[in-house]
Amino acid sequence: MVNVIGVRFRSVGKIYYFDPHELKITRGQHVIVETARGIEYGQVVLGNTSVDDSKVVQPLKGVIRIATEADDERERENKNKEKEALEICREKIKKHQLEMKLIDTEYTFDRSKILFYFTADGRIDFRELVKDLASVFRTRIELRQIGVRDETKIRGGIGVCGRALCCSTYLSEFVPVSIKMAKEQSLSLNPSKISGVCGRLMCCLKNEEETYEELNSRLPGIGDRVITADGQRGEVQSVNVLRQLVKVVITNNDEKELTEYKVEDLKFTPRRKKKQQVVVEDQELKMLEGLEQKEGRSKLEDN
């Protein structure tokens, strides 16, 4: 186990671990730490605690000091300078006629570097821009291209649900989202319905994925044949995932009747078992193919 503290450098950014040394640091305090890109000012979101060695990337960098009033004032000055740098950089981009959109600017605490975040459709040759900026700020310049999801996280906004965006309020890291999650939740596959402000699939599709997977695994699929409690056979027309109800079409003497049943009142092969059967069948097929290939080789050797 390793004694660490957790620090964030952005309001909803990733949490980084640092060695507190002999300092007793509590949540909410600000600290000055050494990072890969220089000396930084961050907020403690996890006080002194012990974590497993496997969760820590060695070598673990240490805390230089707990932030003083002078450090707090310097950080405020840096924030004001970032706004000025943003406007200057926008003018320089316009001057060089570059097809890029500037999103944000960030000073390191010791002002040894300025980072400019931008979006662009392709690769941008910004060498002349960097030279121009370096002559103005007289410090190291770094231009970093980011994606539309990162842009939305930085800018923030309101989602279709009417609440602040997940990525800008509590998601410290983006989670993988796929169209399969929308299908699992029986959502409309219309891009305008399942896409967020950034134009990508909504992050919140991940929130209920496990619940829907578990509920769907207990239900039959559309078109499956089922047997009711009174022995009648029918075909599944639709399912209500959350209520665990199944609508079944039963045919009697050329007459079709649509009836809704609770899932526990029906006999069928659940989706989970179907998947297991498919895996087993695939394994058996591969084994048979392997045996046939061996037999074929042995016959050729005999000949």
Protein backbone atom coordinates (compact mmCIF):
# COMPACT_ATOMS: atom_id res chain seq x y z
CA MET A 1 0.00 0.00 0.00
CA VAL A 2 1.13 3.56 -0.79
CA ASN A 3 0.19 6.76 1.04
CA VAL A 4 -1.11 9.29 -1.52
CA ILE A 5 -3.36 12.30 -2.08
CA GLY A 6 -5.63 12.84 -5.11
CA VAL A 7 -5.33 16.15 -6.97
CA ARG A 8 -7.33 17.73 -9.79
CA PHE A 9 -6.10 20.58 -12.00
CA ARG A 10 -9.50 21.22 -13.64
CA SER A 11 -12.93 21.31 -12.02
CA VAL A 12 -13.97 17.96 -13.52
CA GLY A 13 -10.58 16.74 -14.65
CA LYS A 14 -8.82 13.45 -14.07
CA ILE A 15 -7.56 12.72 -10.53
CA TYR A 16 -3.77 12.34 -10.21
CA TYR A 17 -1.98 10.75 -7.26
CA PHE A 18 0.93 12.47 -5.51
CA ASP A 19 3.17 11.61 -2.58
CA PRO A 20 2.26 13.90 0.37
CA HIS A 21 5.56 13.07 2.14
CA GLU A 22 5.09 13.99 5.81
CA LEU A 23 2.36 16.55 5.17
CA LYS A 24 -1.16 16.07 6.53
CA ILE A 25 -3.40 17.27 3.69
CA THR A 26 -7.21 17.35 3.69
CA ARG A 27 -9.78 17.51 0.94
CA GLY A 28 -10.46 21.03 -0.39
CA GLN A 29 -6.97 22.37 0.19
CA HIS A 30 -4.78 23.58 -2.67
CA VAL A 31 -1.27 22.28 -3.20
CA ILE A 32 1.77 23.01 -5.36
CA VAL A 33 3.01 19.85 -7.05
CA GLU A 34 5.57 18.79 -9.62
CA THR A 35 4.13 17.30 -12.83
CA ALA A 36 5.49 16.14 -16.18
CA ARG A 37 4.81 19.57 -17.68
CA GLY A 38 6.15 21.66 -14.78
CA ILE A 39 5.09 23.09 -11.42
CA GLU A 40 1.29 23.10 -11.08
CA TYR A 41 -1.39 24.39 -8.72
CA GLY A 42 -4.16 21.89 -7.96
CA GLN A 43 -7.08 21.19 -5.66
CA VAL A 44 -7.04 18.19 -3.33
CA VAL A 45 -10.10 15.97 -3.86
CA LEU A 46 -8.75 13.01 -1.88
CA GLY A 47 -6.88 13.58 1.39
CA ASN A 48 -4.15 11.35 2.80
CA THR A 49 -5.13 7.77 2.05
CA SER A 50 -3.57 4.41 1.25
CA VAL A 51 -4.09 2.79 -2.15
CA ASP A 52 -2.86 -0.43 -3.73
CA ASP A 53 0.53 -0.27 -5.47
CA SER A 54 -1.08 -1.41 -8.76
CA LYS A 55 -3.16 1.82 -8.91
CA VAL A 56 -0.10 4.07 -8.74
CA VAL A 57 2.17 4.92 -11.67
CA GLN A 58 5.74 4.90 -10.44
CA PRO A 59 7.79 6.95 -9.85
CA LEU A 60 5.24 8.89 -7.78
CA LYS A 61 5.89 12.63 -7.85
CA GLY A 62 5.63 14.52 -4.57
CA VAL A 63 3.86 17.55 -3.14
CA ILE A 64 6.13 20.59 -2.93
CA ARG A 65 3.98 22.48 -0.41
CA ILE A 66 0.47 23.36 0.64
CA ALA A 67 -0.54 26.49 -1.29
CA THR A 68 -0.02 29.81 0.50
CA GLU A 69 -1.92 33.07 0.05
CA ALA A 70 0.83 34.20 -2.33
CA ASP A 71 0.30 31.03 -4.40
CA ASP A 72 -3.45 31.66 -4.49
CA GLU A 73 -2.84 35.21 -5.72
CA ARG A 74 -0.41 33.99 -8.39
CA GLU A 75 -3.01 31.48 -9.61
CA ARG A 76 -5.59 34.28 -9.94
CA GLU A 77 -3.08 36.32 -11.93
CA ASN A 78 -2.46 33.32 -14.20
CA LYS A 79 -6.20 33.02 -14.87
CA ASN A 80 -6.36 36.68 -15.92
CA LYS A 81 -3.28 36.24 -18.13
CA GLU A 82 -4.92 33.20 -19.77
CA LYS A 83 -7.82 35.37 -20.94
CA GLU A 84 -5.39 37.87 -22.45
CA ALA A 85 -3.37 35.09 -24.09
CA LEU A 86 -6.56 33.65 -25.59
CA GLU A 87 -7.40 36.91 -27.37
CA ILE A 88 -3.82 37.41 -28.60
CA CYS A 89 -3.68 33.87 -29.99
CA ARG A 90 -7.00 34.32 -31.80
CA GLU A 91 -5.62 37.43 -33.51
CA LYS A 92 -2.46 35.54 -34.53
CA ILE A 93 -4.51 32.63 -35.93
CA LYS A 94 -6.53 35.10 -38.00
CA LYS A 95 -3.33 36.79 -39.16
CA HIS A 96 -1.82 33.47 -40.34
CA GLN A 97 -5.18 32.41 -41.88
CA LEU A 98 -5.18 29.00 -40.21
CA GLU A 99 -8.27 26.74 -40.32
CA MET A 100 -8.39 26.07 -36.58
CA LYS A 101 -10.71 27.03 -33.71
CA LEU A 102 -9.08 28.07 -30.44
CA ILE A 103 -10.91 26.59 -27.44
CA ASP A 104 -8.93 27.31 -24.29
CA THR A 105 -5.61 28.55 -22.91
CA GLU A 106 -3.75 27.33 -19.86
CA TYR A 107 -0.65 28.63 -18.06
CA THR A 108 1.49 26.33 -15.92
CA PHE A 109 1.75 27.69 -12.38
CA ASP A 110 5.38 28.77 -12.82
CA ARG A 111 4.53 30.32 -16.23
CA SER A 112 7.22 28.22 -17.88
CA LYS A 113 4.75 27.12 -20.54
CA ILE A 114 1.47 28.19 -22.16
CA LEU A 115 -0.85 25.55 -23.61
CA PHE A 116 -3.34 26.45 -26.33
CA TYR A 117 -6.14 23.92 -27.00
CA PHE A 118 -7.76 23.97 -30.44
CA THR A 119 -9.93 21.91 -32.78
CA ALA A 120 -9.45 21.44 -36.52
CA ASP A 121 -10.72 19.15 -39.26
CA GLY A 122 -7.25 17.89 -40.15
CA ARG A 123 -3.56 18.46 -39.50
CA ILE A 124 -2.46 22.09 -39.18
CA ASP A 125 0.98 23.49 -39.92
CA PHE A 126 1.27 25.97 -37.06
CA ARG A 127 5.07 26.33 -36.94
CA GLU A 128 4.98 30.01 -37.92
CA LEU A 129 2.19 30.63 -35.40
CA VAL A 130 4.29 29.11 -32.60
CA LYS A 131 7.26 31.33 -33.50
CA ASP A 132 5.00 34.38 -33.50
CA LEU A 133 3.48 33.48 -30.10
CA ALA A 134 6.89 32.72 -28.58
CA SER A 135 8.13 36.20 -29.60
CA VAL A 136 5.14 37.76 -27.80
CA PHE A 137 5.04 35.69 -24.58
CA ARG A 138 8.76 34.80 -24.38
CA THR A 139 8.08 31.36 -22.92
CA ARG A 140 7.52 27.81 -24.15
CA ILE A 141 4.45 27.42 -26.36
CA GLU A 142 2.47 24.21 -26.82
CA LEU A 143 -0.50 23.88 -29.18
CA ARG A 144 -2.62 20.80 -28.50
CA GLN A 145 -5.32 19.58 -30.87
CA ILE A 146 -8.37 18.11 -29.10
CA GLY A 147 -11.58 16.38 -30.19
CA VAL A 148 -15.17 17.62 -30.13
CA ARG A 149 -15.91 15.73 -26.90
CA ASP A 150 -13.01 17.46 -25.13
CA GLU A 151 -14.19 20.81 -26.52
CA THR A 152 -17.68 20.26 -25.09
CA LYS A 153 -16.22 19.21 -21.72
CA ILE A 154 -14.23 22.45 -21.53
CA ARG A 155 -17.02 24.75 -22.72
CA GLY A 156 -19.91 23.05 -20.88
CA GLY A 157 -23.58 23.40 -21.78
CA ILE A 158 -27.09 22.01 -21.29
CA GLY A 159 -28.10 18.55 -22.53
CA VAL A 160 -31.41 17.51 -24.10
CA CYS A 161 -32.51 16.42 -20.60
CA GLY A 162 -32.35 20.05 -19.43
CA ARG A 163 -29.45 19.40 -17.05
CA ALA A 164 -25.79 20.45 -17.23
CA LEU A 165 -23.70 18.12 -19.40
CA CYS A 166 -22.40 14.95 -17.69
CA CYS A 167 -18.87 15.49 -19.06
CA SER A 168 -18.62 18.99 -17.58
CA THR A 169 -20.19 18.17 -14.18
CA TYR A 170 -18.98 14.78 -12.94
CA LEU A 171 -17.32 12.63 -15.65
CA SER A 172 -13.58 12.86 -15.04
CA GLU A 173 -12.87 10.58 -18.01
CA PHE A 174 -14.86 9.73 -21.13
CA VAL A 175 -16.40 6.25 -21.21
CA PRO A 176 -16.67 4.17 -24.40
CA VAL A 177 -20.21 4.42 -25.83
CA SER A 178 -21.59 2.31 -28.69
CA ILE A 179 -24.78 2.11 -30.77
CA LYS A 180 -25.36 -1.33 -29.20
CA MET A 181 -26.23 0.42 -25.91
CA ALA A 182 -29.01 2.38 -27.62
CA LYS A 183 -30.37 -0.83 -29.19
CA GLU A 184 -30.25 -2.61 -25.81
CA GLN A 185 -32.39 0.17 -24.31
CA SER A 186 -34.86 0.13 -27.25
CA LEU A 187 -34.11 3.75 -28.09
CA SER A 188 -34.69 5.39 -31.44
CA LEU A 189 -31.57 5.04 -33.60
CA ASN A 190 -32.16 8.49 -35.08
CA PRO A 191 -28.78 10.29 -34.62
CA SER A 192 -30.51 13.48 -33.48
CA LYS A 193 -32.20 11.56 -30.63
CA ILE A 194 -29.15 9.76 -29.21
CA SER A 195 -26.40 12.29 -29.91
CA GLY A 196 -25.17 14.86 -27.40
CA VAL A 197 -24.21 18.50 -27.84
CA CYS A 198 -20.83 17.39 -29.18
CA GLY A 199 -22.45 15.39 -31.99
CA ARG A 200 -21.24 12.06 -30.59
CA LEU A 201 -23.32 9.39 -28.85
CA MET A 202 -24.55 10.58 -25.45
CA CYS A 203 -22.34 9.56 -22.52
CA CYS A 204 -25.43 8.81 -20.41
CA LEU A 205 -26.21 5.76 -22.57
CA LYS A 206 -23.59 4.02 -20.43
CA ASN A 207 -25.40 4.80 -17.15
CA GLU A 208 -28.12 2.15 -17.46
CA GLU A 209 -26.38 -0.27 -19.81
CA GLU A 210 -25.78 -3.02 -17.21
CA THR A 211 -29.36 -2.82 -15.91
CA TYR A 212 -30.84 -3.19 -19.41
CA GLU A 213 -28.46 -6.03 -20.27
CA GLU A 214 -29.57 -7.91 -17.15
CA LEU A 215 -33.31 -7.26 -17.75
CA ASN A 216 -33.08 -8.15 -21.46
CA SER A 217 -31.29 -11.40 -20.67
CA ARG A 218 -34.48 -12.60 -18.88
CA LEU A 219 -36.76 -11.83 -21.83
CA PRO A 220 -37.45 -13.64 -25.13
CA GLY A 221 -36.60 -11.89 -28.40
CA ILE A 222 -39.13 -10.44 -30.85
CA GLY A 223 -40.38 -13.28 -33.06
CA ASP A 224 -39.43 -16.04 -30.60
CA ARG A 225 -41.84 -18.91 -29.92
CA VAL A 226 -43.09 -19.22 -26.32
CA ILE A 227 -45.41 -21.47 -24.30
CA THR A 228 -47.92 -19.91 -21.90
CA ALA A 229 -48.82 -21.24 -18.45
CA ASP A 230 -51.96 -22.93 -19.87
CA GLY A 231 -49.97 -24.70 -22.60
CA GLN A 232 -50.73 -22.45 -25.56
CA ARG A 233 -47.99 -21.66 -28.06
CA GLY A 234 -47.47 -18.19 -29.48
CA GLU A 235 -45.08 -15.75 -31.06
CA VAL A 236 -43.60 -12.73 -29.25
CA GLN A 237 -44.75 -9.46 -30.79
CA SER A 238 -43.19 -6.98 -28.32
CA VAL A 239 -41.61 -6.74 -24.87
CA ASN A 240 -41.67 -4.16 -22.07
CA VAL A 241 -38.16 -4.35 -20.64
CA LEU A 242 -38.66 -2.36 -17.42
CA ARG A 243 -41.99 -3.97 -16.49
CA GLN A 244 -40.85 -7.41 -17.68
CA LEU A 245 -44.04 -7.92 -19.72
CA VAL A 246 -44.34 -9.77 -23.03
CA LYS A 247 -47.06 -9.39 -25.69
CA VAL A 248 -47.74 -12.73 -27.40
CA VAL A 249 -49.77 -13.48 -30.55
CA ILE A 250 -51.66 -16.79 -30.12
CA THR A 251 -53.35 -18.38 -33.14
CA ASN A 252 -56.48 -20.48 -32.55
CA ASN A 253 -58.54 -21.78 -35.50
CA ASP A 254 -57.10 -19.14 -37.86
CA GLU A 255 -57.92 -16.43 -35.34
CA LYS A 256 -55.11 -14.39 -33.80
CA GLU A 257 -55.29 -13.07 -30.28
CA LEU A 258 -52.81 -10.62 -28.73
CA THR A 259 -52.31 -11.13 -24.99
CA GLU A 260 -49.85 -9.62 -22.50
CA TYR A 261 -48.09 -11.93 -20.03
CA LYS A 262 -45.64 -11.58 -17.19
CA VAL A 263 -42.30 -13.05 -18.20
CA GLU A 264 -42.41 -15.61 -15.36
CA ASP A 265 -45.67 -17.04 -16.81
CA LEU A 266 -43.96 -18.05 -20.07
CA LYS A 267 -41.61 -20.85 -21.07
CA PHE A 268 -38.82 -19.98 -23.53
CA THR A 269 -35.05 -19.93 -23.96
CA PRO A 270 -33.71 -16.71 -22.38
CA ARG A 271 -31.29 -14.59 -24.41
CA ARG A 272 -28.42 -15.33 -22.05
CA LYS A 273 -28.75 -19.08 -22.63
CA LYS A 274 -29.09 -18.52 -26.37
CA LYS A 275 -25.76 -16.68 -26.38
CA GLN A 276 -24.18 -19.52 -24.38
CA GLN A 277 -25.60 -22.06 -26.84
CA VAL A 278 -24.21 -20.11 -29.80
CA VAL A 279 -20.76 -20.04 -28.17
CA VAL A 280 -20.90 -23.80 -27.49
CA GLU A 281 -22.08 -24.50 -31.06
CA ASP A 282 -19.26 -22.36 -32.45
CA GLN A 283 -16.73 -24.23 -30.30
CA GLU A 284 -18.13 -27.61 -31.42
CA LEU A 285 -18.04 -26.50 -35.07
CA LYS A 286 -14.40 -25.46 -34.73
CA MET A 287 -13.57 -28.83 -33.10
CA LEU A 288 -15.27 -30.70 -35.94
CA GLU A 289 -13.46 -28.60 -38.53
CA GLY A 290 -10.19 -29.33 -36.75
CA LEU A 291 -10.90 -33.09 -36.75
CA GLU A 292 -11.82 -33.03 -40.43
CA GLN A 293 -8.59 -31.22 -41.26
CA LYS A 294 -6.60 -33.79 -39.26
CA GLU A 295 -8.39 -36.67 -40.98
CA GLY A 296 -7.74 -35.06 -44.36
CA ARG A 297 -4.03 -34.71 -43.58
CA SER A 298 -3.77 -38.31 -42.35
CA LYS A 299 -5.43 -39.60 -45.55
CA LEU A 300 -2.98 -37.62 -47.68
CA GLU A 301 -0.07 -39.01 -45.63
CA ASP A 302 -1.41 -42.58 -46.06
CA ASN A 303 -1.68 -42.05 -49.81
